Amino acid sequence: MLEQVGNALTFLAFYTQSGEGKTGLTVSVDVRRGATTLVSAAAASEIGGGLYSYTLASGSVSSEGLYTAVFRTTDATVDQKH
């Protein structure tokens, strides 16, 4: 996916329980550009069906680079927490 400096970036994560989408989770997200942490433990939003999202504000997309997000939940019933 091609993005431009100054555009918001949306990251997605999918959580499952026994292979099915898991709703109702509390999910946090860390966002990095390369090795630099831009956002730490921000709240992700539930879209539905096990899909969660976080949008990095356009003002935080200030230079070219690889932007990555790690989503986390502490829920013990999901197939994978990170």
PDB file of N, CA and C in Angstrom:
ATOM      1  N   MET A   1       0.847  -1.169   0.000  1.00  0.00           N
ATOM      2  CA  MET A   1       0.000   0.000   0.000  1.00  0.00           C
ATOM      3  C   MET A   1       0.897   1.238   0.000  1.00  0.00           C
ATOM      4  N   LEU A   2       0.600   2.193  -0.839  1.00  0.00           N
ATOM      5  CA  LEU A   2       1.331   3.451  -0.893  1.00  0.00           C
ATOM      6  C   LEU A   2       0.593   4.499  -0.075  1.00  0.00           C
ATOM      7  N   GLU A   3       1.339   5.202   0.731  1.00  0.00           N
ATOM      8  CA  GLU A   3       0.778   6.286   1.541  1.00  0.00           C
ATOM      9  C   GLU A   3       1.619   7.525   1.342  1.00  0.00           C
ATOM     10  N   GLN A   4       1.068   8.668   1.692  1.00  0.00           N
ATOM     11  CA  GLN A   4       1.777   9.925   1.554  1.00  0.00           C
ATOM     12  C   GLN A   4       1.952  10.569   2.922  1.00  0.00           C
ATOM     13  N   VAL A   5       3.057  11.293   3.072  1.00  0.00           N
ATOM     14  CA  VAL A   5       3.289  12.058   4.291  1.00  0.00           C
ATOM     15  C   VAL A   5       2.109  12.994   4.495  1.00  0.00           C
ATOM     16  N   GLY A   6       1.622  13.073   5.714  1.00  0.00           N
ATOM     17  CA  GLY A   6       0.508  13.953   6.029  1.00  0.00           C
ATOM     18  C   GLY A   6      -0.861  13.306   5.914  1.00  0.00           C
ATOM     19  N   ASN A   7      -0.933  12.038   5.488  1.00  0.00           N
ATOM     20  CA  ASN A   7      -2.206  11.312   5.423  1.00  0.00           C
ATOM     21  C   ASN A   7      -2.331  10.396   6.630  1.00  0.00           C
ATOM     22  N   ALA A   8      -3.515  10.315   7.189  1.00  0.00           N
ATOM     23  CA  ALA A   8      -3.767   9.391   8.294  1.00  0.00           C
ATOM     24  C   ALA A   8      -3.580   7.948   7.818  1.00  0.00           C
ATOM     25  N   LEU A   9      -3.118   7.076   8.727  1.00  0.00           N
ATOM     26  CA  LEU A   9      -2.928   5.660   8.418  1.00  0.00           C
ATOM     27  C   LEU A   9      -3.836   4.824   9.306  1.00  0.00           C
ATOM     28  N   THR A  10      -4.566   3.889   8.718  1.00  0.00           N
ATOM     29  CA  THR A  10      -5.430   2.998   9.483  1.00  0.00           C
ATOM     30  C   THR A  10      -4.814   1.606   9.519  1.00  0.00           C
ATOM     31  N   PHE A  11      -4.717   1.061  10.724  1.00  0.00           N
ATOM     32  CA  PHE A  11      -4.191  -0.283  10.959  1.00  0.00           C
ATOM     33  C   PHE A  11      -5.334  -1.167  11.427  1.00  0.00           C
ATOM     34  N   LEU A  12      -5.293  -2.439  11.049  1.00  0.00           N
ATOM     35  CA  LEU A  12      -6.351  -3.385  11.407  1.00  0.00           C
ATOM     36  C   LEU A  12      -5.759  -4.627  12.065  1.00  0.00           C
ATOM     37  N   ALA A  13      -6.522  -5.227  12.977  1.00  0.00           N
ATOM     38  CA  ALA A  13      -6.161  -6.508  13.595  1.00  0.00           C
ATOM     39  C   ALA A  13      -7.421  -7.341  13.726  1.00  0.00           C
ATOM     40  N   PHE A  14      -7.261  -8.651  13.628  1.00  0.00           N
ATOM     41  CA  PHE A  14      -8.385  -9.570  13.721  1.00  0.00           C
ATOM     42  C   PHE A  14      -8.119 -10.541  14.857  1.00  0.00           C
ATOM     43  N   TYR A  15      -9.041 -10.615  15.812  1.00  0.00           N
ATOM     44  CA  TYR A  15      -8.924 -11.524  16.955  1.00  0.00           C
ATOM     45  C   TYR A  15      -9.940 -12.652  16.831  1.00  0.00           C
ATOM     46  N   THR A  16      -9.488 -13.862  17.203  1.00  0.00           N
ATOM     47  CA  THR A  16     -10.366 -15.027  17.147  1.00  0.00           C
ATOM     48  C   THR A  16     -10.367 -15.781  18.468  1.00  0.00           C
ATOM     49  N   GLN A  17     -11.442 -16.518  18.672  1.00  0.00           N
ATOM     50  CA  GLN A  17     -11.556 -17.480  19.771  1.00  0.00           C
ATOM     51  C   GLN A  17     -12.014 -18.783  19.130  1.00  0.00           C
ATOM     52  N   SER A  18     -11.209 -19.818  19.239  1.00  0.00           N
ATOM     53  CA  SER A  18     -11.485 -21.106  18.588  1.00  0.00           C
ATOM     54  C   SER A  18     -11.731 -20.931  17.087  1.00  0.00           C
ATOM     55  N   GLY A  19     -10.980 -20.012  16.481  1.00  0.00           N
ATOM     56  CA  GLY A  19     -11.050 -19.800  15.044  1.00  0.00           C
ATOM     57  C   GLY A  19     -12.156 -18.878  14.565  1.00  0.00           C
ATOM     58  N   GLU A  20     -13.015 -18.409  15.459  1.00  0.00           N
ATOM     59  CA  GLU A  20     -14.115 -17.505  15.096  1.00  0.00           C
ATOM     60  C   GLU A  20     -13.805 -16.091  15.598  1.00  0.00           C
ATOM     61  N   GLY A  21     -14.293 -15.066  14.882  1.00  0.00           N
ATOM     62  CA  GLY A  21     -14.085 -13.680  15.288  1.00  0.00           C
ATOM     63  C   GLY A  21     -14.557 -13.435  16.712  1.00  0.00           C
ATOM     64  N   LYS A  22     -13.733 -12.732  17.504  1.00  0.00           N
ATOM     65  CA  LYS A  22     -14.030 -12.463  18.913  1.00  0.00           C
ATOM     66  C   LYS A  22     -14.340 -10.980  19.096  1.00  0.00           C
ATOM     67  N   THR A  23     -15.546 -10.688  19.579  1.00  0.00           N
ATOM     68  CA  THR A  23     -15.969  -9.307  19.805  1.00  0.00           C
ATOM     69  C   THR A  23     -15.909  -8.974  21.291  1.00  0.00           C
ATOM     70  N   GLY A  24     -16.063  -7.697  21.607  1.00  0.00           N
ATOM     71  CA  GLY A  24     -16.146  -7.246  22.991  1.00  0.00           C
ATOM     72  C   GLY A  24     -14.824  -7.176  23.722  1.00  0.00           C
ATOM     73  N   LEU A  25     -13.720  -7.121  22.994  1.00  0.00           N
ATOM     74  CA  LEU A  25     -12.397  -7.081  23.624  1.00  0.00           C
ATOM     75  C   LEU A  25     -11.959  -5.649  23.908  1.00  0.00           C
ATOM     76  N   THR A  26     -11.093  -5.512  24.891  1.00  0.00           N
ATOM     77  CA  THR A  26     -10.365  -4.268  25.099  1.00  0.00           C
ATOM     78  C   THR A  26      -9.014  -4.470  24.431  1.00  0.00           C
ATOM     79  N   VAL A  27      -8.725  -3.645  23.426  1.00  0.00           N
ATOM     80  CA  VAL A  27      -7.513  -3.809  22.616  1.00  0.00           C
ATOM     81  C   VAL A  27      -6.728  -2.508  22.645  1.00  0.00           C
ATOM     82  N   SER A  28      -5.428  -2.619  22.892  1.00  0.00           N
ATOM     83  CA  SER A  28      -4.549  -1.450  22.822  1.00  0.00           C
ATOM     84  C   SER A  28      -3.572  -1.646  21.673  1.00  0.00           C
ATOM     85  N   VAL A  29      -2.944  -0.562  21.257  1.00  0.00           N
ATOM     86  CA  VAL A  29      -2.050  -0.617  20.092  1.00  0.00           C
ATOM     87  C   VAL A  29      -0.854   0.303  20.306  1.00  0.00           C
ATOM     88  N   ASP A  30       0.301  -0.182  19.852  1.00  0.00           N
ATOM     89  CA  ASP A  30       1.523   0.624  19.789  1.00  0.00           C
ATOM     90  C   ASP A  30       1.832   0.830  18.309  1.00  0.00           C
ATOM     91  N   VAL A  31       2.228   2.045  17.944  1.00  0.00           N
ATOM     92  CA  VAL A  31       2.577   2.337  16.548  1.00  0.00           C
ATOM     93  C   VAL A  31       4.009   2.853  16.517  1.00  0.00           C
ATOM     94  N   ARG A  32       4.762   2.340  15.554  1.00  0.00           N
ATOM     95  CA  ARG A  32       6.157   2.753  15.384  1.00  0.00           C
ATOM     96  C   ARG A  32       6.417   3.163  13.937  1.00  0.00           C
ATOM     97  N   ARG A  33       7.383   4.054  13.792  1.00  0.00           N
ATOM     98  CA  ARG A  33       7.965   4.362  12.481  1.00  0.00           C
ATOM     99  C   ARG A  33       9.412   3.916  12.597  1.00  0.00           C
ATOM    100  N   GLY A  34       9.740   2.821  11.920  1.00  0.00           N
ATOM    101  CA  GLY A  34      11.060   2.215  12.125  1.00  0.00           C
ATOM    102  C   GLY A  34      11.161   1.767  13.571  1.00  0.00           C
ATOM    103  N   ALA A  35      12.184   2.204  14.275  1.00  0.00           N
ATOM    104  CA  ALA A  35      12.371   1.846  15.683  1.00  0.00           C
ATOM    105  C   ALA A  35      11.811   2.900  16.636  1.00  0.00           C
ATOM    106  N   THR A  36      11.235   3.959  16.108  1.00  0.00           N
ATOM    107  CA  THR A  36      10.721   5.055  16.932  1.00  0.00           C
ATOM    108  C   THR A  36       9.259   4.819  17.289  1.00  0.00           C
ATOM    109  N   THR A  37       8.953   4.806  18.585  1.00  0.00           N
ATOM    110  CA  THR A  37       7.571   4.651  19.042  1.00  0.00           C
ATOM    111  C   THR A  37       6.845   5.979  18.905  1.00  0.00           C
ATOM    112  N   LEU A  38       5.744   5.973  18.163  1.00  0.00           N
ATOM    113  CA  LEU A  38       4.935   7.176  17.977  1.00  0.00           C
ATOM    114  C   LEU A  38       3.732   7.188  18.910  1.00  0.00           C
ATOM    115  N   VAL A  39       3.159   6.015  19.161  1.00  0.00           N
ATOM    116  CA  VAL A  39       1.961   5.869  19.996  1.00  0.00           C
ATOM    117  C   VAL A  39       2.168   4.638  20.875  1.00  0.00           C
ATOM    118  N   SER A  40       1.831   4.767  22.148  1.00  0.00           N
ATOM    119  CA  SER A  40       1.982   3.648  23.064  1.00  0.00           C
ATOM    120  C   SER A  40       0.675   3.400  23.808  1.00  0.00           C
ATOM    121  N   ALA A  41       0.183   2.184  23.744  1.00  0.00           N
ATOM    122  CA  ALA A  41      -1.011   1.732  24.480  1.00  0.00           C
ATOM    123  C   ALA A  41      -2.259   2.571  24.183  1.00  0.00           C
ATOM    124  N   ALA A  42      -2.445   2.953  22.932  1.00  0.00           N
ATOM    125  CA  ALA A  42      -3.663   3.676  22.540  1.00  0.00           C
ATOM    126  C   ALA A  42      -4.818   2.683  22.411  1.00  0.00           C
ATOM    127  N   ALA A  43      -6.022   3.170  22.580  1.00  0.00           N
ATOM    128  CA  ALA A  43      -7.206   2.309  22.482  1.00  0.00           C
ATOM    129  C   ALA A  43      -7.577   2.073  21.022  1.00  0.00           C
ATOM    130  N   ALA A  44      -7.759   0.810  20.670  1.00  0.00           N
ATOM    131  CA  ALA A  44      -8.249   0.445  19.340  1.00  0.00           C
ATOM    132  C   ALA A  44      -9.775   0.401  19.391  1.00  0.00           C
ATOM    133  N   SER A  45     -10.406   0.562  18.251  1.00  0.00           N
ATOM    134  CA  SER A  45     -11.867   0.536  18.153  1.00  0.00           C
ATOM    135  C   SER A  45     -12.334  -0.768  17.532  1.00  0.00           C
ATOM    136  N   GLU A  46     -13.428  -1.302  18.058  1.00  0.00           N
ATOM    137  CA  GLU A  46     -14.010  -2.518  17.490  1.00  0.00           C
ATOM    138  C   GLU A  46     -14.855  -2.150  16.283  1.00  0.00           C
ATOM    139  N   ILE A  47     -14.614  -2.827  15.168  1.00  0.00           N
ATOM    140  CA  ILE A  47     -15.412  -2.633  13.963  1.00  0.00           C
ATOM    141  C   ILE A  47     -16.561  -3.630  13.963  1.00  0.00           C
ATOM    142  N   GLY A  48     -16.254  -4.877  14.331  1.00  0.00           N
ATOM    143  CA  GLY A  48     -17.256  -5.931  14.386  1.00  0.00           C
ATOM    144  C   GLY A  48     -16.691  -7.247  13.895  1.00  0.00           C
ATOM    145  N   GLY A  49     -17.269  -8.337  14.343  1.00  0.00           N
ATOM    146  CA  GLY A  49     -16.882  -9.658  13.879  1.00  0.00           C
ATOM    147  C   GLY A  49     -15.468 -10.073  14.222  1.00  0.00           C
ATOM    148  N   GLY A  50     -14.845  -9.420  15.197  1.00  0.00           N
ATOM    149  CA  GLY A  50     -13.472  -9.724  15.577  1.00  0.00           C
ATOM    150  C   GLY A  50     -12.443  -8.776  14.998  1.00  0.00           C
ATOM    151  N   LEU A  51     -12.869  -7.797  14.191  1.00  0.00           N
ATOM    152  CA  LEU A  51     -11.966  -6.845  13.560  1.00  0.00           C
ATOM    153  C   LEU A  51     -11.884  -5.561  14.392  1.00  0.00           C
ATOM    154  N   TYR A  52     -10.643  -5.110  14.614  1.00  0.00           N
ATOM    155  CA  TYR A  52     -10.376  -3.907  15.410  1.00  0.00           C
ATOM    156  C   TYR A  52      -9.481  -2.979  14.601  1.00  0.00           C
ATOM    157  N   SER A  53      -9.602  -1.665  14.851  1.00  0.00           N
ATOM    158  CA  SER A  53      -8.825  -0.709  14.062  1.00  0.00           C
ATOM    159  C   SER A  53      -8.251   0.395  14.938  1.00  0.00           C
ATOM    160  N   TYR A  54      -7.212   1.016  14.400  1.00  0.00           N
ATOM    161  CA  TYR A  54      -6.636   2.209  14.996  1.00  0.00           C
ATOM    162  C   TYR A  54      -6.175   3.097  13.849  1.00  0.00           C
ATOM    163  N   THR A  55      -6.489   4.384  13.922  1.00  0.00           N
ATOM    164  CA  THR A  55      -6.059   5.327  12.903  1.00  0.00           C
ATOM    165  C   THR A  55      -5.030   6.279  13.495  1.00  0.00           C
ATOM    166  N   LEU A  56      -3.857   6.282  12.893  1.00  0.00           N
ATOM    167  CA  LEU A  56      -2.792   7.207  13.265  1.00  0.00           C
ATOM    168  C   LEU A  56      -3.096   8.539  12.593  1.00  0.00           C
ATOM    169  N   ALA A  57      -3.188   9.589  13.385  1.00  0.00           N
ATOM    170  CA  ALA A  57      -3.555  10.915  12.883  1.00  0.00           C
ATOM    171  C   ALA A  57      -2.571  11.406  11.825  1.00  0.00           C
ATOM    172  N   SER A  58      -3.082  12.165  10.885  1.00  0.00           N
ATOM    173  CA  SER A  58      -2.263  12.653   9.774  1.00  0.00           C
ATOM    174  C   SER A  58      -1.047  13.448  10.258  1.00  0.00           C
ATOM    175  N   GLY A  59      -1.180  14.184  11.353  1.00  0.00           N
ATOM    176  CA  GLY A  59      -0.060  14.962  11.883  1.00  0.00           C
ATOM    177  C   GLY A  59       1.082  14.115  12.399  1.00  0.00           C
ATOM    178  N   SER A  60       0.814  12.848  12.692  1.00  0.00           N
ATOM    179  CA  SER A  60       1.861  11.934  13.161  1.00  0.00           C
ATOM    180  C   SER A  60       2.583  11.240  12.020  1.00  0.00           C
ATOM    181  N   VAL A  61       2.074  11.386  10.802  1.00  0.00           N
ATOM    182  CA  VAL A  61       2.714  10.806   9.620  1.00  0.00           C
ATOM    183  C   VAL A  61       3.541  11.919   8.985  1.00  0.00           C
ATOM    184  N   SER A  62       4.684  12.188   9.629  1.00  0.00           N
ATOM    185  CA  SER A  62       5.463  13.378   9.280  1.00  0.00           C
ATOM    186  C   SER A  62       6.678  13.096   8.405  1.00  0.00           C
ATOM    187  N   SER A  63       6.978  11.826   8.182  1.00  0.00           N
ATOM    188  CA  SER A  63       8.112  11.508   7.314  1.00  0.00           C
ATOM    189  C   SER A  63       7.912  10.135   6.684  1.00  0.00           C
ATOM    190  N   GLU A  64       8.673   9.879   5.635  1.00  0.00           N
ATOM    191  CA  GLU A  64       8.609   8.581   4.982  1.00  0.00           C
ATOM    192  C   GLU A  64       9.200   7.524   5.896  1.00  0.00           C
ATOM    193  N   GLY A  65       8.710   6.310   5.786  1.00  0.00           N
ATOM    194  CA  GLY A  65       9.251   5.218   6.586  1.00  0.00           C
ATOM    195  C   GLY A  65       8.249   4.095   6.699  1.00  0.00           C
ATOM    196  N   LEU A  66       8.662   3.029   7.350  1.00  0.00           N
ATOM    197  CA  LEU A  66       7.803   1.885   7.587  1.00  0.00           C
ATOM    198  C   LEU A  66       7.054   2.096   8.894  1.00  0.00           C
ATOM    199  N   TYR A  67       5.751   2.235   8.803  1.00  0.00           N
ATOM    200  CA  TYR A  67       4.887   2.409   9.973  1.00  0.00           C
ATOM    201  C   TYR A  67       4.280   1.045  10.314  1.00  0.00           C
ATOM    202  N   THR A  68       4.446   0.619  11.554  1.00  0.00           N
ATOM    203  CA  THR A  68       3.923  -0.675  11.982  1.00  0.00           C
ATOM    204  C   THR A  68       3.097  -0.496  13.251  1.00  0.00           C
ATOM    205  N   ALA A  69       2.175  -1.434  13.466  1.00  0.00           N
ATOM    206  CA  ALA A  69       1.331  -1.399  14.659  1.00  0.00           C
ATOM    207  C   ALA A  69       1.287  -2.794  15.272  1.00  0.00           C
ATOM    208  N   VAL A  70       1.364  -2.839  16.602  1.00  0.00           N
ATOM    209  CA  VAL A  70       1.204  -4.083  17.343  1.00  0.00           C
ATOM    210  C   VAL A  70      -0.031  -3.912  18.224  1.00  0.00           C
ATOM    211  N   PHE A  71      -1.020  -4.770  17.998  1.00  0.00           N
ATOM    212  CA  PHE A  71      -2.253  -4.756  18.772  1.00  0.00           C
ATOM    213  C   PHE A  71      -2.120  -5.783  19.893  1.00  0.00           C
ATOM    214  N   ARG A  72      -2.700  -5.456  21.080  1.00  0.00           N
ATOM    215  CA  ARG A  72      -2.632  -6.354  22.228  1.00  0.00           C
ATOM    216  C   ARG A  72      -3.969  -6.397  22.956  1.00  0.00           C
ATOM    217  N   THR A  73      -4.263  -7.566  23.521  1.00  0.00           N
ATOM    218  CA  THR A  73      -5.383  -7.697  24.445  1.00  0.00           C
ATOM    219  C   THR A  73      -4.928  -8.586  25.590  1.00  0.00           C
ATOM    220  N   THR A  74      -5.531  -8.429  26.746  1.00  0.00           N
ATOM    221  CA  THR A  74      -5.207  -9.287  27.886  1.00  0.00           C
ATOM    222  C   THR A  74      -6.228 -10.400  28.047  1.00  0.00           C
ATOM    223  N   ASP A  75      -7.217 -10.447  27.168  1.00  0.00           N
ATOM    224  CA  ASP A  75      -8.268 -11.464  27.240  1.00  0.00           C
ATOM    225  C   ASP A  75      -7.656 -12.855  27.078  1.00  0.00           C
ATOM    226  N   ALA A  76      -7.909 -13.724  28.040  1.00  0.00           N
ATOM    227  CA  ALA A  76      -7.311 -15.058  28.038  1.00  0.00           C
ATOM    228  C   ALA A  76      -8.014 -16.039  27.098  1.00  0.00           C
ATOM    229  N   THR A  77      -9.150 -15.656  26.537  1.00  0.00           N
ATOM    230  CA  THR A  77      -9.912 -16.595  25.699  1.00  0.00           C
ATOM    231  C   THR A  77      -9.570 -16.514  24.209  1.00  0.00           C
ATOM    232  N   VAL A  78      -8.788 -15.511  23.813  1.00  0.00           N
ATOM    233  CA  VAL A  78      -8.472 -15.370  22.385  1.00  0.00           C
ATOM    234  C   VAL A  78      -7.370 -16.356  21.975  1.00  0.00           C
ATOM    235  N   ASP A  79      -7.337 -16.677  20.691  1.00  0.00           N
ATOM    236  CA  ASP A  79      -6.341 -17.611  20.188  1.00  0.00           C
ATOM    237  C   ASP A  79      -4.930 -17.034  20.243  1.00  0.00           C
ATOM    238  N   GLN A  80      -4.793 -15.727  20.064  1.00  0.00           N
ATOM    239  CA  GLN A  80      -3.489 -15.073  20.125  1.00  0.00           C
ATOM    240  C   GLN A  80      -3.692 -13.669  20.677  1.00  0.00           C
ATOM    241  N   LYS A  81      -2.924 -13.296  21.708  1.00  0.00           N
ATOM    242  CA  LYS A  81      -3.109 -11.999  22.377  1.00  0.00           C
ATOM    243  C   LYS A  81      -2.454 -10.835  21.625  1.00  0.00           C
ATOM    244  N   HIS A  82      -1.386 -11.108  20.857  1.00  0.00           N
ATOM    245  CA  HIS A  82      -0.670 -10.046  20.131  1.00  0.00           C
ATOM    246  C   HIS A  82      -0.733 -10.339  18.655  1.00  0.00           C
TER     247      HIS A  82
END
